[in-house]
């Protein structure tokens, strides 16, 4: 292995915009992030879906019966 080509791997302080901070290891001495696992809506359980024009309800009613229109036989004229 070549010497003196690898970066300096050191302890790193990570700080979030919400005020949370923790320690990890990286090549940078400090990392600032906008959102972390303490304030992200997915991890906190406060996730809200923005429903535009009722698309979520439309999807749920379409597939509530458990039948998919694309998998059904085509209805056509019989000879």
PDB file of N, CA and C in Angstrom:
ATOM      1  N   UNK A   1       0.830  -1.166   0.000  1.00  0.00           N
ATOM      2  CA  UNK A   1       0.000   0.000   0.000  1.00  0.00           C
ATOM      3  C   UNK A   1       0.886   1.244   0.000  1.00  0.00           C
ATOM      4  N   UNK A   2       0.470   2.263  -0.743  1.00  0.00           N
ATOM      5  CA  UNK A   2       1.249   3.487  -0.793  1.00  0.00           C
ATOM      6  C   UNK A   2       1.101   4.261   0.505  1.00  0.00           C
ATOM      7  N   UNK A   3       2.163   4.913   0.900  1.00  0.00           N
ATOM      8  CA  UNK A   3       2.105   5.709   2.123  1.00  0.00           C
ATOM      9  C   UNK A   3       1.801   7.170   1.786  1.00  0.00           C
ATOM     10  N   UNK A   4       1.208   7.852   2.748  1.00  0.00           N
ATOM     11  CA  UNK A   4       0.892   9.282   2.662  1.00  0.00           C
ATOM     12  C   UNK A   4      -0.114   9.641   1.559  1.00  0.00           C
ATOM     13  N   UNK A   5      -0.999   8.717   1.192  1.00  0.00           N
ATOM     14  CA  UNK A   5      -2.030   9.060   0.219  1.00  0.00           C
ATOM     15  C   UNK A   5      -3.425   9.026   0.844  1.00  0.00           C
ATOM     16  N   UNK A   6      -3.548   8.495   2.034  1.00  0.00           N
ATOM     17  CA  UNK A   6      -4.845   8.366   2.679  1.00  0.00           C
ATOM     18  C   UNK A   6      -5.169   9.618   3.496  1.00  0.00           C
ATOM     19  N   UNK A   7      -6.438  10.036   3.522  1.00  0.00           N
ATOM     20  CA  UNK A   7      -6.804  11.229   4.289  1.00  0.00           C
ATOM     21  C   UNK A   7      -6.762  10.963   5.790  1.00  0.00           C
ATOM     22  N   UNK A   8      -6.713  12.024   6.546  1.00  0.00           N
ATOM     23  CA  UNK A   8      -6.667  11.940   8.000  1.00  0.00           C
ATOM     24  C   UNK A   8      -8.079  11.648   8.514  1.00  0.00           C
ATOM     25  N   UNK A   9      -8.309  10.455   9.044  1.00  0.00           N
ATOM     26  CA  UNK A   9      -9.605  10.026   9.575  1.00  0.00           C
ATOM     27  C   UNK A   9      -9.648  10.402  11.043  1.00  0.00           C
ATOM     28  N   UNK A  10     -10.606  11.281  11.424  1.00  0.00           N
ATOM     29  CA  UNK A  10     -10.606  11.844  12.771  1.00  0.00           C
ATOM     30  C   UNK A  10     -12.022  11.895  13.343  1.00  0.00           C
ATOM     31  N   UNK A  11     -12.110  12.195  14.647  1.00  0.00           N
ATOM     32  CA  UNK A  11     -13.407  12.399  15.283  1.00  0.00           C
ATOM     33  C   UNK A  11     -14.052  13.659  14.717  1.00  0.00           C
ATOM     34  N   UNK A  12     -15.367  13.581  14.469  1.00  0.00           N
ATOM     35  CA  UNK A  12     -16.086  14.677  13.831  1.00  0.00           C
ATOM     36  C   UNK A  12     -17.315  15.035  14.646  1.00  0.00           C
ATOM     37  N   UNK A  13     -17.550  16.311  14.829  1.00  0.00           N
ATOM     38  CA  UNK A  13     -18.749  16.790  15.508  1.00  0.00           C
ATOM     39  C   UNK A  13     -19.782  17.144  14.447  1.00  0.00           C
ATOM     40  N   UNK A  14     -20.951  16.511  14.520  1.00  0.00           N
ATOM     41  CA  UNK A  14     -22.038  16.784  13.583  1.00  0.00           C
ATOM     42  C   UNK A  14     -23.080  17.597  14.320  1.00  0.00           C
ATOM     43  N   UNK A  15     -23.463  18.749  13.760  1.00  0.00           N
ATOM     44  CA  UNK A  15     -24.482  19.579  14.397  1.00  0.00           C
ATOM     45  C   UNK A  15     -25.602  19.840  13.405  1.00  0.00           C
ATOM     46  N   UNK A  16     -26.833  19.772  13.921  1.00  0.00           N
ATOM     47  CA  UNK A  16     -28.028  19.933  13.097  1.00  0.00           C
ATOM     48  C   UNK A  16     -28.619  21.321  13.338  1.00  0.00           C
ATOM     49  N   UNK A  17     -29.463  21.753  12.434  1.00  0.00           N
ATOM     50  CA  UNK A  17     -30.132  23.034  12.570  1.00  0.00           C
ATOM     51  C   UNK A  17     -31.111  23.068  13.734  1.00  0.00           C
ATOM     52  N   UNK A  18     -31.598  21.889  14.171  1.00  0.00           N
ATOM     53  CA  UNK A  18     -32.542  21.835  15.286  1.00  0.00           C
ATOM     54  C   UNK A  18     -31.839  21.941  16.642  1.00  0.00           C
ATOM     55  N   UNK A  19     -30.525  21.875  16.654  1.00  0.00           N
ATOM     56  CA  UNK A  19     -29.777  21.964  17.897  1.00  0.00           C
ATOM     57  C   UNK A  19     -29.187  20.640  18.351  1.00  0.00           C
ATOM     58  N   UNK A  20     -29.579  19.555  17.714  1.00  0.00           N
ATOM     59  CA  UNK A  20     -29.042  18.237  18.050  1.00  0.00           C
ATOM     60  C   UNK A  20     -27.607  18.135  17.544  1.00  0.00           C
ATOM     61  N   UNK A  21     -26.763  17.488  18.323  1.00  0.00           N
ATOM     62  CA  UNK A  21     -25.386  17.262  17.895  1.00  0.00           C
ATOM     63  C   UNK A  21     -24.937  15.889  18.363  1.00  0.00           C
ATOM     64  N   UNK A  22     -24.052  15.293  17.587  1.00  0.00           N
ATOM     65  CA  UNK A  22     -23.503  13.991  17.941  1.00  0.00           C
ATOM     66  C   UNK A  22     -22.114  13.873  17.348  1.00  0.00           C
ATOM     67  N   UNK A  23     -21.435  12.829  17.726  1.00  0.00           N
ATOM     68  CA  UNK A  23     -20.051  12.633  17.316  1.00  0.00           C
ATOM     69  C   UNK A  23     -19.946  11.390  16.445  1.00  0.00           C
ATOM     70  N   UNK A  24     -19.133  11.479  15.410  1.00  0.00           N
ATOM     71  CA  UNK A  24     -18.859  10.344  14.534  1.00  0.00           C
ATOM     72  C   UNK A  24     -17.426  10.489  14.024  1.00  0.00           C
ATOM     73  N   UNK A  25     -17.063   9.734  13.011  1.00  0.00           N
ATOM     74  CA  UNK A  25     -15.710   9.840  12.461  1.00  0.00           C
ATOM     75  C   UNK A  25     -15.796  10.148  10.980  1.00  0.00           C
ATOM     76  N   UNK A  26     -14.934  11.039  10.525  1.00  0.00           N
ATOM     77  CA  UNK A  26     -14.904  11.459   9.127  1.00  0.00           C
ATOM     78  C   UNK A  26     -13.564  12.114   8.845  1.00  0.00           C
ATOM     79  N   UNK A  27     -13.385  12.577   7.616  1.00  0.00           N
ATOM     80  CA  UNK A  27     -12.153  13.284   7.289  1.00  0.00           C
ATOM     81  C   UNK A  27     -12.290  14.772   7.573  1.00  0.00           C
ATOM     82  N   UNK A  28     -13.508  15.243   7.840  1.00  0.00           N
ATOM     83  CA  UNK A  28     -13.744  16.647   8.175  1.00  0.00           C
ATOM     84  C   UNK A  28     -13.838  16.811   9.687  1.00  0.00           C
ATOM     85  N   UNK A  29     -13.386  17.911  10.224  1.00  0.00           N
ATOM     86  CA  UNK A  29     -13.454  18.097  11.679  1.00  0.00           C
ATOM     87  C   UNK A  29     -14.860  18.461  12.161  1.00  0.00           C
ATOM     88  N   UNK A  30     -15.676  19.067  11.276  1.00  0.00           N
ATOM     89  CA  UNK A  30     -17.023  19.474  11.674  1.00  0.00           C
ATOM     90  C   UNK A  30     -17.959  19.363  10.470  1.00  0.00           C
ATOM     91  N   UNK A  31     -19.194  18.867  10.716  1.00  0.00           N
ATOM     92  CA  UNK A  31     -20.211  18.771   9.673  1.00  0.00           C
ATOM     93  C   UNK A  31     -21.479  19.420  10.196  1.00  0.00           C
ATOM     94  N   UNK A  32     -22.068  20.293   9.378  1.00  0.00           N
ATOM     95  CA  UNK A  32     -23.339  20.930   9.733  1.00  0.00           C
ATOM     96  C   UNK A  32     -24.404  20.440   8.768  1.00  0.00           C
ATOM     97  N   UNK A  33     -25.527  19.946   9.335  1.00  0.00           N
ATOM     98  CA  UNK A  33     -26.618  19.433   8.513  1.00  0.00           C
ATOM     99  C   UNK A  33     -27.890  20.222   8.797  1.00  0.00           C
ATOM    100  N   UNK A  34     -28.808  20.234   7.827  1.00  0.00           N
ATOM    101  CA  UNK A  34     -30.066  20.947   7.986  1.00  0.00           C
ATOM    102  C   UNK A  34     -31.095  20.125   8.762  1.00  0.00           C
ATOM    103  N   UNK A  35     -31.057  18.809   8.595  1.00  0.00           N
ATOM    104  CA  UNK A  35     -32.061  17.952   9.213  1.00  0.00           C
ATOM    105  C   UNK A  35     -31.390  16.646   9.630  1.00  0.00           C
ATOM    106  N   UNK A  36     -31.808  16.112  10.773  1.00  0.00           N
ATOM    107  CA  UNK A  36     -31.210  14.880  11.284  1.00  0.00           C
ATOM    108  C   UNK A  36     -32.320  13.921  11.705  1.00  0.00           C
ATOM    109  N   UNK A  37     -31.949  12.783  12.296  1.00  0.00           N
ATOM    110  CA  UNK A  37     -32.952  11.808  12.701  1.00  0.00           C
ATOM    111  C   UNK A  37     -33.782  12.282  13.895  1.00  0.00           C
ATOM    112  N   UNK A  38     -33.336  13.269  14.624  1.00  0.00           N
ATOM    113  CA  UNK A  38     -34.097  13.781  15.761  1.00  0.00           C
ATOM    114  C   UNK A  38     -35.199  14.737  15.335  1.00  0.00           C
ATOM    115  N   UNK A  39     -35.065  15.355  14.172  1.00  0.00           N
ATOM    116  CA  UNK A  39     -36.072  16.330  13.736  1.00  0.00           C
ATOM    117  C   UNK A  39     -36.728  15.974  12.408  1.00  0.00           C
ATOM    118  N   UNK A  40     -36.301  14.912  11.751  1.00  0.00           N
ATOM    119  CA  UNK A  40     -36.899  14.535  10.475  1.00  0.00           C
ATOM    120  C   UNK A  40     -38.288  13.947  10.712  1.00  0.00           C
ATOM    121  N   UNK A  41     -39.298  14.387   9.974  1.00  0.00           N
ATOM    122  CA  UNK A  41     -40.672  13.919  10.206  1.00  0.00           C
ATOM    123  C   UNK A  41     -40.845  12.409  10.054  1.00  0.00           C
ATOM    124  N   UNK A  42     -40.076  11.762   9.210  1.00  0.00           N
ATOM    125  CA  UNK A  42     -40.211  10.315   9.033  1.00  0.00           C
ATOM    126  C   UNK A  42     -39.827   9.574  10.309  1.00  0.00           C
ATOM    127  N   UNK A  43     -38.770   9.998  10.970  1.00  0.00           N
ATOM    128  CA  UNK A  43     -38.292   9.311  12.165  1.00  0.00           C
ATOM    129  C   UNK A  43     -39.047   9.724  13.426  1.00  0.00           C
ATOM    130  N   UNK A  44     -39.610  10.914  13.450  1.00  0.00           N
ATOM    131  CA  UNK A  44     -40.329  11.374  14.638  1.00  0.00           C
ATOM    132  C   UNK A  44     -41.781  10.929  14.648  1.00  0.00           C
ATOM    133  N   UNK A  45     -42.292  10.413  13.523  1.00  0.00           N
ATOM    134  CA  UNK A  45     -43.676   9.967  13.453  1.00  0.00           C
ATOM    135  C   UNK A  45     -44.653  11.082  13.149  1.00  0.00           C
ATOM    136  N   UNK A  46     -44.166  12.240  12.810  1.00  0.00           N
ATOM    137  CA  UNK A  46     -45.028  13.377  12.507  1.00  0.00           C
ATOM    138  C   UNK A  46     -45.120  13.611  11.004  1.00  0.00           C
ATOM    139  N   UNK A  47     -44.984  12.522  10.244  1.00  0.00           N
ATOM    140  CA  UNK A  47     -45.003  12.617   8.794  1.00  0.00           C
ATOM    141  C   UNK A  47     -46.415  12.917   8.314  1.00  0.00           C
ATOM    142  N   UNK A  48     -46.546  13.944   7.485  1.00  0.00           N
ATOM    143  CA  UNK A  48     -47.831  14.324   6.924  1.00  0.00           C
ATOM    144  C   UNK A  48     -47.717  14.282   5.406  1.00  0.00           C
ATOM    145  N   UNK A  49     -48.679  13.643   4.791  1.00  0.00           N
ATOM    146  CA  UNK A  49     -48.710  13.596   3.342  1.00  0.00           C
ATOM    147  C   UNK A  49     -49.458  14.814   2.826  1.00  0.00           C
ATOM    148  N   UNK A  50     -48.897  15.460   1.855  1.00  0.00           N
ATOM    149  CA  UNK A  50     -49.566  16.587   1.225  1.00  0.00           C
ATOM    150  C   UNK A  50     -50.364  16.011   0.061  1.00  0.00           C
ATOM    151  N   UNK A  51     -51.672  16.018   0.219  1.00  0.00           N
ATOM    152  CA  UNK A  51     -52.550  15.432  -0.779  1.00  0.00           C
ATOM    153  C   UNK A  51     -53.002  16.516  -1.746  1.00  0.00           C
ATOM    154  N   UNK A  52     -52.568  16.396  -2.982  1.00  0.00           N
ATOM    155  CA  UNK A  52     -52.931  17.360  -4.001  1.00  0.00           C
ATOM    156  C   UNK A  52     -54.070  16.786  -4.833  1.00  0.00           C
ATOM    157  N   UNK A  53     -55.175  17.465  -4.831  1.00  0.00           N
ATOM    158  CA  UNK A  53     -56.348  17.117  -5.642  1.00  0.00           C
ATOM    159  C   UNK A  53     -56.900  15.737  -5.312  1.00  0.00           C
ATOM    160  N   UNK A  54     -56.781  15.293  -4.066  1.00  0.00           N
ATOM    161  CA  UNK A  54     -57.385  14.037  -3.638  1.00  0.00           C
ATOM    162  C   UNK A  54     -56.769  12.795  -4.256  1.00  0.00           C
ATOM    163  N   UNK A  55     -55.512  12.832  -4.585  1.00  0.00           N
ATOM    164  CA  UNK A  55     -54.875  11.699  -5.253  1.00  0.00           C
ATOM    165  C   UNK A  55     -54.750  10.483  -4.347  1.00  0.00           C
ATOM    166  N   UNK A  56     -54.516  10.700  -3.070  1.00  0.00           N
ATOM    167  CA  UNK A  56     -54.381   9.561  -2.160  1.00  0.00           C
ATOM    168  C   UNK A  56     -55.712   8.843  -2.024  1.00  0.00           C
ATOM    169  N   UNK A  57     -56.806   9.592  -1.842  1.00  0.00           N
ATOM    170  CA  UNK A  57     -58.120   8.976  -1.741  1.00  0.00           C
ATOM    171  C   UNK A  57     -58.503   8.287  -3.045  1.00  0.00           C
ATOM    172  N   UNK A  58     -58.164   8.887  -4.175  1.00  0.00           N
ATOM    173  CA  UNK A  58     -58.461   8.295  -5.473  1.00  0.00           C
ATOM    174  C   UNK A  58     -57.735   6.961  -5.619  1.00  0.00           C
ATOM    175  N   UNK A  59     -56.482   6.918  -5.209  1.00  0.00           N
ATOM    176  CA  UNK A  59     -55.705   5.679  -5.276  1.00  0.00           C
ATOM    177  C   UNK A  59     -56.295   4.616  -4.355  1.00  0.00           C
ATOM    178  N   UNK A  60     -56.656   5.012  -3.133  1.00  0.00           N
ATOM    179  CA  UNK A  60     -57.188   4.044  -2.182  1.00  0.00           C
ATOM    180  C   UNK A  60     -58.534   3.488  -2.629  1.00  0.00           C
ATOM    181  N   UNK A  61     -59.393   4.315  -3.199  1.00  0.00           N
ATOM    182  CA  UNK A  61     -60.678   3.806  -3.671  1.00  0.00           C
ATOM    183  C   UNK A  61     -60.516   2.944  -4.912  1.00  0.00           C
ATOM    184  N   UNK A  62     -59.559   3.265  -5.749  1.00  0.00           N
ATOM    185  CA  UNK A  62     -59.333   2.502  -6.975  1.00  0.00           C
ATOM    186  C   UNK A  62     -58.863   1.086  -6.663  1.00  0.00           C
ATOM    187  N   UNK A  63     -57.986   0.964  -5.684  1.00  0.00           N
ATOM    188  CA  UNK A  63     -57.410  -0.338  -5.374  1.00  0.00           C
ATOM    189  C   UNK A  63     -57.962  -0.953  -4.095  1.00  0.00           C
ATOM    190  N   UNK A  64     -59.050  -0.416  -3.571  1.00  0.00           N
ATOM    191  CA  UNK A  64     -59.631  -0.957  -2.347  1.00  0.00           C
ATOM    192  C   UNK A  64     -60.253  -2.322  -2.578  1.00  0.00           C
ATOM    193  N   UNK A  65     -60.790  -2.564  -3.764  1.00  0.00           N
ATOM    194  CA  UNK A  65     -61.444  -3.839  -4.060  1.00  0.00           C
ATOM    195  C   UNK A  65     -60.433  -4.972  -4.203  1.00  0.00           C
ATOM    196  N   UNK A  66     -59.181  -4.648  -4.395  1.00  0.00           N
ATOM    197  CA  UNK A  66     -58.150  -5.677  -4.522  1.00  0.00           C
ATOM    198  C   UNK A  66     -58.019  -6.204  -5.934  1.00  0.00           C
ATOM    199  N   UNK A  67     -58.763  -5.636  -6.864  1.00  0.00           N
ATOM    200  CA  UNK A  67     -58.651  -6.056  -8.258  1.00  0.00           C
ATOM    201  C   UNK A  67     -57.965  -4.948  -9.041  1.00  0.00           C
ATOM    202  N   UNK A  68     -57.087  -5.343  -9.879  1.00  0.00           N
ATOM    203  CA  UNK A  68     -56.356  -4.383 -10.685  1.00  0.00           C
ATOM    204  C   UNK A  68     -56.921  -4.411 -12.096  1.00  0.00           C
ATOM    205  N   UNK A  69     -57.256  -3.257 -12.608  1.00  0.00           N
ATOM    206  CA  UNK A  69     -57.877  -3.168 -13.932  1.00  0.00           C
ATOM    207  C   UNK A  69     -56.955  -3.703 -15.023  1.00  0.00           C
ATOM    208  N   UNK A  70     -55.678  -3.540 -14.879  1.00  0.00           N
ATOM    209  CA  UNK A  70     -54.753  -3.990 -15.917  1.00  0.00           C
ATOM    210  C   UNK A  70     -54.612  -5.506 -15.950  1.00  0.00           C
ATOM    211  N   UNK A  71     -54.998  -6.185 -14.871  1.00  0.00           N
ATOM    212  CA  UNK A  71     -54.877  -7.632 -14.822  1.00  0.00           C
ATOM    213  C   UNK A  71     -56.177  -8.350 -15.203  1.00  0.00           C
ATOM    214  N   UNK A  72     -57.248  -7.607 -15.354  1.00  0.00           N
ATOM    215  CA  UNK A  72     -58.537  -8.186 -15.706  1.00  0.00           C
ATOM    216  C   UNK A  72     -58.593  -8.454 -17.209  1.00  0.00           C
ATOM    217  N   UNK A  73     -59.357  -9.481 -17.617  1.00  0.00           N
ATOM    218  CA  UNK A  73     -59.509  -9.725 -19.054  1.00  0.00           C
ATOM    219  C   UNK A  73     -60.227  -8.558 -19.725  1.00  0.00           C
ATOM    220  N   UNK A  74     -59.843  -8.298 -20.941  1.00  0.00           N
ATOM    221  CA  UNK A  74     -60.405  -7.179 -21.689  1.00  0.00           C
ATOM    222  C   UNK A  74     -61.859  -7.466 -22.041  1.00  0.00           C
ATOM    223  N   UNK A  75     -62.691  -6.449 -21.877  1.00  0.00           N
ATOM    224  CA  UNK A  75     -64.092  -6.557 -22.262  1.00  0.00           C
ATOM    225  C   UNK A  75     -64.214  -6.042 -23.687  1.00  0.00           C
ATOM    226  N   UNK A  76     -64.597  -6.886 -24.566  1.00  0.00           N
ATOM    227  CA  UNK A  76     -64.681  -6.491 -25.961  1.00  0.00           C
ATOM    228  C   UNK A  76     -65.885  -7.135 -26.630  1.00  0.00           C
ATOM    229  N   UNK A  77     -65.986  -6.921 -27.909  1.00  0.00           N
ATOM    230  CA  UNK A  77     -67.081  -7.498 -28.662  1.00  0.00           C
ATOM    231  C   UNK A  77     -66.821  -8.980 -28.878  1.00  0.00           C
ATOM    232  N   UNK A  78     -67.873  -9.778 -28.730  1.00  0.00           N
ATOM    233  CA  UNK A  78     -67.764 -11.216 -29.007  1.00  0.00           C
ATOM    234  C   UNK A  78     -68.412 -11.490 -30.353  1.00  0.00           C
ATOM    235  N   UNK A  79     -67.813 -12.361 -31.107  1.00  0.00           N
ATOM    236  CA  UNK A  79     -68.343 -12.669 -32.441  1.00  0.00           C
ATOM    237  C   UNK A  79     -69.328 -13.789 -32.389  1.00  0.00           C
TER     238      UNK A  79
END
